[in-house]
Amino acid sequence: MVKLKTIMLRSTAEFQMIKITDEVRAFIEECGVQNGLAAVISAHTTTGIMVNEGLECVETDIEELLERLVPKDFPYAHAHFLPSYGATGSNSPSHLKSMLSGNSCMFVVQDGKMISGDAQDVYLAEFDGPKGRKVYIQVIGE
């Protein structure tokens, strides 16, 4: 059995970590798969999917680390006119942060429930907001 759900979100800041753990758990439990895998995937190249401890101080540390690794004031090659968009690309830091964080995660599904550590939360990490975003949850199993 394969089940798919699309979550529509709207970020409210340039950088934002949006917890989606409850939505992922709820879908896994309602879809009827007893044993299998659940994938959580972002549909965007300037967002990430992260699994980490759901504490504000950890979120702040992640944001600050990414800012140090990918500063806004670097002369990125992406900062030029893009005829395909009809605009200047100015979000190269967002693309690079997405690459560093990854755009997906997987969980084991056992006895109809998501298996995770006690301190694990699933986040959509916004790096180029505010924007409307899509996250796919696909559950595969029996």
Protein backbone atom coordinates (compact mmCIF):
# COMPACT_ATOMS: atom_id res chain seq x y z
CA MET A 1 0.00 0.00 0.00
CA VAL A 2 1.19 3.51 -0.84
CA LYS A 3 -0.44 6.66 0.58
CA LEU A 4 0.44 10.28 -0.17
CA LYS A 5 -0.54 13.51 1.53
CA THR A 6 0.39 17.08 0.62
CA ILE A 7 0.68 19.62 3.43
CA MET A 8 0.29 23.26 2.41
CA LEU A 9 2.09 25.75 4.69
CA ARG A 10 2.76 29.47 4.67
CA SER A 11 5.95 30.71 6.28
CA THR A 12 5.93 34.14 7.91
CA ALA A 13 9.65 35.00 8.01
CA GLU A 14 12.77 34.74 5.86
CA PHE A 15 14.13 32.04 8.20
CA GLN A 16 11.63 29.92 10.07
CA MET A 17 11.55 26.41 11.47
CA ILE A 18 8.00 25.08 11.28
CA LYS A 19 7.31 21.92 13.27
CA ILE A 20 5.29 19.41 11.26
CA THR A 21 5.74 16.39 13.54
CA ASP A 22 2.08 16.23 14.54
CA GLU A 23 0.91 16.29 10.90
CA VAL A 24 3.37 13.53 9.96
CA ARG A 25 2.37 11.32 12.90
CA ALA A 26 -1.35 11.87 12.30
CA PHE A 27 -1.13 10.94 8.61
CA ILE A 28 0.87 7.80 9.35
CA GLU A 29 -1.73 6.70 11.90
CA GLU A 30 -4.74 7.48 9.67
CA CYS A 31 -3.41 5.93 6.45
CA GLY A 32 -3.68 2.32 7.66
CA VAL A 33 -0.12 1.15 6.93
CA GLN A 34 1.02 -1.06 9.80
CA ASN A 35 4.65 -1.66 8.87
CA GLY A 36 6.75 0.24 6.36
CA LEU A 37 8.44 3.58 5.78
CA ALA A 38 7.33 7.20 5.80
CA ALA A 39 9.13 9.80 3.69
CA VAL A 40 8.77 13.54 4.29
CA ILE A 41 9.88 15.60 1.29
CA SER A 42 9.95 19.34 0.56
CA ALA A 43 8.85 20.45 -2.91
CA HIS A 44 11.20 23.46 -2.88
CA THR A 45 14.88 24.24 -3.44
CA THR A 46 15.03 26.99 -0.80
CA THR A 47 13.60 25.00 2.10
CA GLY A 48 14.82 21.99 4.04
CA ILE A 49 13.40 19.10 6.00
CA MET A 50 15.17 18.64 9.31
CA VAL A 51 14.86 16.25 12.22
CA ASN A 52 16.12 17.63 15.49
CA GLU A 53 15.22 18.33 19.10
CA GLY A 54 12.23 20.66 19.21
CA LEU A 55 13.68 23.39 21.41
CA GLU A 56 13.81 27.10 20.60
CA CYS A 57 17.47 27.28 21.66
CA VAL A 58 18.36 24.48 19.20
CA GLU A 59 16.43 26.29 16.44
CA THR A 60 18.42 29.46 17.20
CA ASP A 61 21.71 27.54 17.12
CA ILE A 62 20.79 26.02 13.73
CA GLU A 63 19.91 29.44 12.31
CA GLU A 64 23.13 31.02 13.60
CA LEU A 65 25.31 28.17 12.30
CA LEU A 66 23.74 28.37 8.83
CA GLU A 67 24.23 32.16 8.78
CA ARG A 68 27.94 31.71 9.59
CA LEU A 69 28.37 29.00 6.94
CA VAL A 70 26.36 30.82 4.26
CA PRO A 71 26.60 34.59 4.79
CA LYS A 72 24.22 36.90 2.92
CA ASP A 73 26.98 39.33 1.86
CA PHE A 74 29.09 36.87 -0.16
CA PRO A 75 29.38 37.57 -3.95
CA TYR A 76 27.31 34.58 -5.12
CA ALA A 77 27.22 33.70 -8.84
CA HIS A 78 23.41 33.30 -8.65
CA ALA A 79 23.07 37.08 -8.07
CA HIS A 80 22.50 38.01 -11.72
CA PHE A 81 19.60 38.47 -14.12
CA LEU A 82 17.85 35.19 -14.91
CA PRO A 83 15.95 35.41 -18.21
CA SER A 84 13.94 32.30 -17.34
CA TYR A 85 12.54 34.10 -14.24
CA GLY A 86 12.59 37.63 -15.64
CA ALA A 87 14.29 38.78 -12.43
CA THR A 88 17.62 38.84 -10.64
CA GLY A 89 18.38 35.79 -8.53
CA SER A 90 19.19 36.97 -5.04
CA ASN A 91 18.45 33.88 -2.98
CA SER A 92 21.62 31.85 -3.43
CA PRO A 93 22.14 31.63 0.36
CA SER A 94 18.69 30.01 0.61
CA HIS A 95 19.60 27.38 -2.00
CA LEU A 96 22.86 26.58 -0.22
CA LYS A 97 21.19 26.30 3.20
CA SER A 98 18.66 23.93 1.65
CA MET A 99 21.48 21.80 0.28
CA LEU A 100 23.14 21.67 3.70
CA SER A 101 19.96 20.74 5.55
CA GLY A 102 18.61 18.28 2.99
CA ASN A 103 15.09 18.20 1.60
CA SER A 104 13.78 14.94 3.05
CA CYS A 105 13.79 12.48 5.92
CA MET A 106 12.51 8.96 6.51
CA PHE A 107 10.94 7.18 9.45
CA VAL A 108 10.16 3.56 10.17
CA VAL A 109 6.47 2.75 10.58
CA GLN A 110 5.79 -0.10 12.99
CA ASP A 111 2.39 -1.20 14.27
CA GLY A 112 0.81 1.79 12.53
CA LYS A 113 2.99 4.38 14.30
CA MET A 114 6.00 6.52 13.43
CA ILE A 115 9.12 5.28 15.21
CA SER A 116 11.32 8.14 16.41
CA GLY A 117 13.41 9.19 19.35
CA ASP A 118 11.79 10.96 22.28
CA ALA A 119 13.36 14.32 21.39
CA GLN A 120 12.91 14.17 17.60
CA ASP A 121 10.73 16.69 15.82
CA VAL A 122 10.27 17.11 12.07
CA TYR A 123 10.65 20.62 10.67
CA LEU A 124 10.10 22.39 7.42
CA ALA A 125 12.99 24.85 7.47
CA GLU A 126 12.21 28.02 5.51
CA PHE A 127 15.23 29.87 4.13
CA ASP A 128 13.58 32.22 1.60
CA GLY A 129 10.27 33.31 3.11
CA PRO A 130 7.71 34.33 3.66
CA LYS A 131 6.16 32.03 1.04
CA GLY A 132 3.57 29.32 0.50
CA ARG A 133 5.15 25.87 0.71
CA LYS A 134 4.30 22.22 -0.01
CA VAL A 135 5.52 19.19 1.89
CA TYR A 136 4.78 15.64 0.76
CA ILE A 137 4.37 12.75 3.16
CA GLN A 138 4.42 9.35 1.52
CA VAL A 139 3.85 6.17 3.49
CA ILE A 140 4.76 2.84 1.92
CA GLY A 141 4.13 -0.54 3.48
CA GLU A 142 1.61 -3.18 4.40
